[in-house]
C-alpha atoms as a PDB file:
ATOM      1  CA  MET A   1     -80.766 -32.902  34.002  1.00  0.00           C
ATOM      2  CA  ASP A   2     -79.453 -29.520  35.425  1.00  0.00           C
ATOM      3  CA  PRO A   3     -76.189 -28.399  33.570  1.00  0.00           C
ATOM      4  CA  GLY A   4     -74.294 -29.200  37.124  1.00  0.00           C
ATOM      5  CA  GLY A   5     -75.834 -32.634  36.637  1.00  0.00           C
ATOM      6  CA  LEU A   6     -73.519 -33.075  33.495  1.00  0.00           C
ATOM      7  CA  ALA A   7     -70.388 -32.198  35.612  1.00  0.00           C
ATOM      8  CA  GLU A   8     -71.465 -34.810  37.984  1.00  0.00           C
ATOM      9  CA  GLU A   9     -72.054 -37.435  35.237  1.00  0.00           C
ATOM     10  CA  LEU A  10     -69.380 -36.550  32.933  1.00  0.00           C
ATOM     11  CA  PRO A  11     -66.624 -35.327  35.039  1.00  0.00           C
ATOM     12  CA  GLU A  12     -63.909 -35.661  32.009  1.00  0.00           C
ATOM     13  CA  LEU A  13     -65.820 -32.497  30.619  1.00  0.00           C
ATOM     14  CA  VAL A  14     -64.511 -30.297  33.780  1.00  0.00           C
ATOM     15  CA  MET A  15     -60.952 -31.743  33.996  1.00  0.00           C
ATOM     16  CA  GLY A  16     -59.304 -29.132  31.593  1.00  0.00           C
ATOM     17  CA  LYS A  17     -57.873 -31.881  29.623  1.00  0.00           C
ATOM     18  CA  ARG A  18     -57.851 -32.993  26.090  1.00  0.00           C
ATOM     19  CA  LEU A  19     -60.937 -35.465  25.523  1.00  0.00           C
ATOM     20  CA  SER A  20     -60.208 -38.808  23.929  1.00  0.00           C
ATOM     21  CA  GLY A  21     -63.100 -40.296  21.757  1.00  0.00           C
ATOM     22  CA  GLY A  22     -64.193 -37.059  19.917  1.00  0.00           C
ATOM     23  CA  THR A  23     -65.362 -33.670  21.187  1.00  0.00           C
ATOM     24  CA  SER A  24     -67.326 -32.888  24.221  1.00  0.00           C
ATOM     25  CA  ILE A  25     -70.512 -32.607  22.034  1.00  0.00           C
ATOM     26  CA  ASP A  26     -69.821 -36.019  20.854  1.00  0.00           C
ATOM     27  CA  VAL A  27     -69.068 -37.438  24.675  1.00  0.00           C
ATOM     28  CA  ILE A  28     -72.413 -35.684  25.836  1.00  0.00           C
ATOM     29  CA  THR A  29     -74.620 -37.150  23.103  1.00  0.00           C
ATOM     30  CA  ARG A  30     -72.905 -40.950  23.428  1.00  0.00           C
ATOM     31  CA  ARG A  31     -73.462 -40.624  27.301  1.00  0.00           C
ATOM     32  CA  THR A  32     -76.476 -38.980  27.929  1.00  0.00           C
ATOM     33  CA  GLY A  33     -78.401 -39.800  24.514  1.00  0.00           C
ATOM     34  CA  ARG A  34     -79.078 -36.184  24.516  1.00  0.00           C
ATOM     35  CA  PRO A  35     -78.771 -35.061  20.647  1.00  0.00           C
ATOM     36  CA  VAL A  36     -77.771 -31.475  19.659  1.00  0.00           C
ATOM     37  CA  ALA A  37     -80.117 -29.323  18.018  1.00  0.00           C
ATOM     38  CA  LYS A  38     -78.458 -26.024  17.932  1.00  0.00           C
ATOM     39  CA  ARG A  39     -74.845 -24.374  18.060  1.00  0.00           C
ATOM     40  CA  PHE A  40     -74.346 -20.794  18.630  1.00  0.00           C
ATOM     41  CA  SER A  41     -70.924 -19.323  17.855  1.00  0.00           C
ATOM     42  CA  THR A  42     -69.679 -15.915  18.344  1.00  0.00           C
ATOM     43  CA  MET A  43     -66.217 -14.694  17.462  1.00  0.00           C
ATOM     44  CA  TRP A  44     -64.514 -11.233  17.875  1.00  0.00           C
ATOM     45  CA  ALA A  45     -60.967  -9.991  17.968  1.00  0.00           C
ATOM     46  CA  ARG A  46     -59.410  -8.211  20.915  1.00  0.00           C
ATOM     47  CA  THR A  47     -55.994  -7.290  22.522  1.00  0.00           C
ATOM     48  CA  THR A  48     -54.284  -9.752  25.143  1.00  0.00           C
ATOM     49  CA  THR A  49     -54.360  -8.812  28.835  1.00  0.00           C
ATOM     50  CA  PRO A  50     -51.952  -9.513  31.606  1.00  0.00           C
ATOM     51  CA  ALA A  51     -54.754 -12.254  32.665  1.00  0.00           C
ATOM     52  CA  ASP A  52     -54.442 -13.857  29.447  1.00  0.00           C
ATOM     53  CA  ALA A  53     -50.433 -14.665  30.066  1.00  0.00           C
ATOM     54  CA  GLY A  54     -51.059 -18.103  31.835  1.00  0.00           C
ATOM     55  CA  SER A  55     -53.451 -19.726  29.678  1.00  0.00           C
ATOM     56  CA  LEU A  56     -51.622 -18.332  26.298  1.00  0.00           C
ATOM     57  CA  GLU A  57     -48.144 -18.966  27.889  1.00  0.00           C
ATOM     58  CA  ILE A  58     -47.155 -15.600  27.004  1.00  0.00           C
ATOM     59  CA  PRO A  59     -45.373 -12.884  28.984  1.00  0.00           C
ATOM     60  CA  GLU A  60     -48.002 -10.535  31.020  1.00  0.00           C
ATOM     61  CA  ASP A  61     -46.686  -7.716  28.984  1.00  0.00           C
ATOM     62  CA  THR A  62     -47.408  -9.368  25.579  1.00  0.00           C
ATOM     63  CA  ARG A  63     -50.035  -6.848  23.522  1.00  0.00           C
ATOM     64  CA  ALA A  64     -51.134  -8.763  20.552  1.00  0.00           C
ATOM     65  CA  ALA A  65     -54.111  -9.628  18.901  1.00  0.00           C
ATOM     66  CA  VAL A  66     -56.249 -12.715  19.811  1.00  0.00           C
ATOM     67  CA  ASN A  67     -59.222 -14.221  18.971  1.00  0.00           C
ATOM     68  CA  VAL A  68     -62.119 -15.032  21.274  1.00  0.00           C
ATOM     69  CA  LEU A  69     -64.970 -17.897  20.331  1.00  0.00           C
ATOM     70  CA  ASN A  70     -68.163 -17.826  22.345  1.00  0.00           C
ATOM     71  CA  VAL A  71     -70.044 -21.042  21.581  1.00  0.00           C
ATOM     72  CA  ARG A  72     -73.254 -22.474  23.456  1.00  0.00           C
ATOM     73  CA  ILE A  73     -74.759 -25.955  22.492  1.00  0.00           C
ATOM     74  CA  VAL A  74     -78.459 -26.713  22.894  1.00  0.00           C
ATOM     75  CA  ASP A  75     -79.947 -30.114  23.164  1.00  0.00           C
ATOM     76  CA  THR A  76     -83.432 -30.907  21.587  1.00  0.00           C
ATOM     77  CA  SER A  77     -85.113 -30.142  24.931  1.00  0.00           C
ATOM     78  CA  GLY A  78     -83.711 -26.789  24.610  1.00  0.00           C
ATOM     79  CA  MET A  79     -81.414 -26.911  27.462  1.00  0.00           C
ATOM     80  CA  THR A  80     -77.566 -25.780  27.133  1.00  0.00           C
ATOM     81  CA  ILE A  81     -75.475 -28.703  27.335  1.00  0.00           C
ATOM     82  CA  GLU A  82     -72.191 -26.851  26.588  1.00  0.00           C
ATOM     83  CA  TYR A  83     -71.014 -23.432  27.137  1.00  0.00           C
ATOM     84  CA  ASP A  84     -67.374 -22.474  26.241  1.00  0.00           C
ATOM     85  CA  VAL A  85     -65.111 -19.496  25.763  1.00  0.00           C
ATOM     86  CA  ASP A  86     -62.055 -20.209  23.744  1.00  0.00           C
ATOM     87  CA  LEU A  87     -59.075 -17.818  23.157  1.00  0.00           C
ATOM     88  CA  GLY A  88     -56.970 -18.344  20.219  1.00  0.00           C
ATOM     89  CA  GLY A  89     -53.191 -17.100  21.092  1.00  0.00           C
ATOM     90  CA  PRO A  90     -51.172 -14.732  19.100  1.00  0.00           C
ATOM     91  CA  GLY A  91     -50.988 -15.555  15.650  1.00  0.00           C
ATOM     92  CA  CYS A  92     -53.401 -18.301  15.599  1.00  0.00           C
ATOM     93  CA  ARG A  93     -55.883 -19.252  12.998  1.00  0.00           C
ATOM     94  CA  TRP A  94     -59.327 -20.288  13.208  1.00  0.00           C
ATOM     95  CA  ALA A  95     -60.960 -22.272  10.425  1.00  0.00           C
ATOM     96  CA  LYS A  96     -64.600 -23.731  10.122  1.00  0.00           C
ATOM     97  CA  GLU A  97     -65.685 -26.173   7.428  1.00  0.00           C
ATOM     98  CA  GLU A  98     -69.086 -27.255   7.282  1.00  0.00           C
ATOM     99  CA  SER A  99     -70.672 -29.917   4.810  1.00  0.00           C
ATOM    100  CA  ALA A 100     -74.201 -28.932   3.264  1.00  0.00           C
ATOM    101  CA  GLU A 101     -75.375 -32.853   3.654  1.00  0.00           C
END
């Protein structure tokens, strides 16, 4: 299945709304049977730009630090099944917890 096929098969992933019943990884795995093999995450900080104003609901002239998180998720066949860039607004904190099990 090509990445565009996921959008056709799982339209809720491209609606821009919060998913019910788990994360996008949960939805993809449940509906396609394609288990996740790897997750690649990169995070960095930068200053807001006027382009950030709409999605962060801040004034265009705001200059503040934000976190940028880039995530790529790959299934067991090596195909990217999710690619996402998230922007954590001014004052937001990001935490990650993993189990060694």
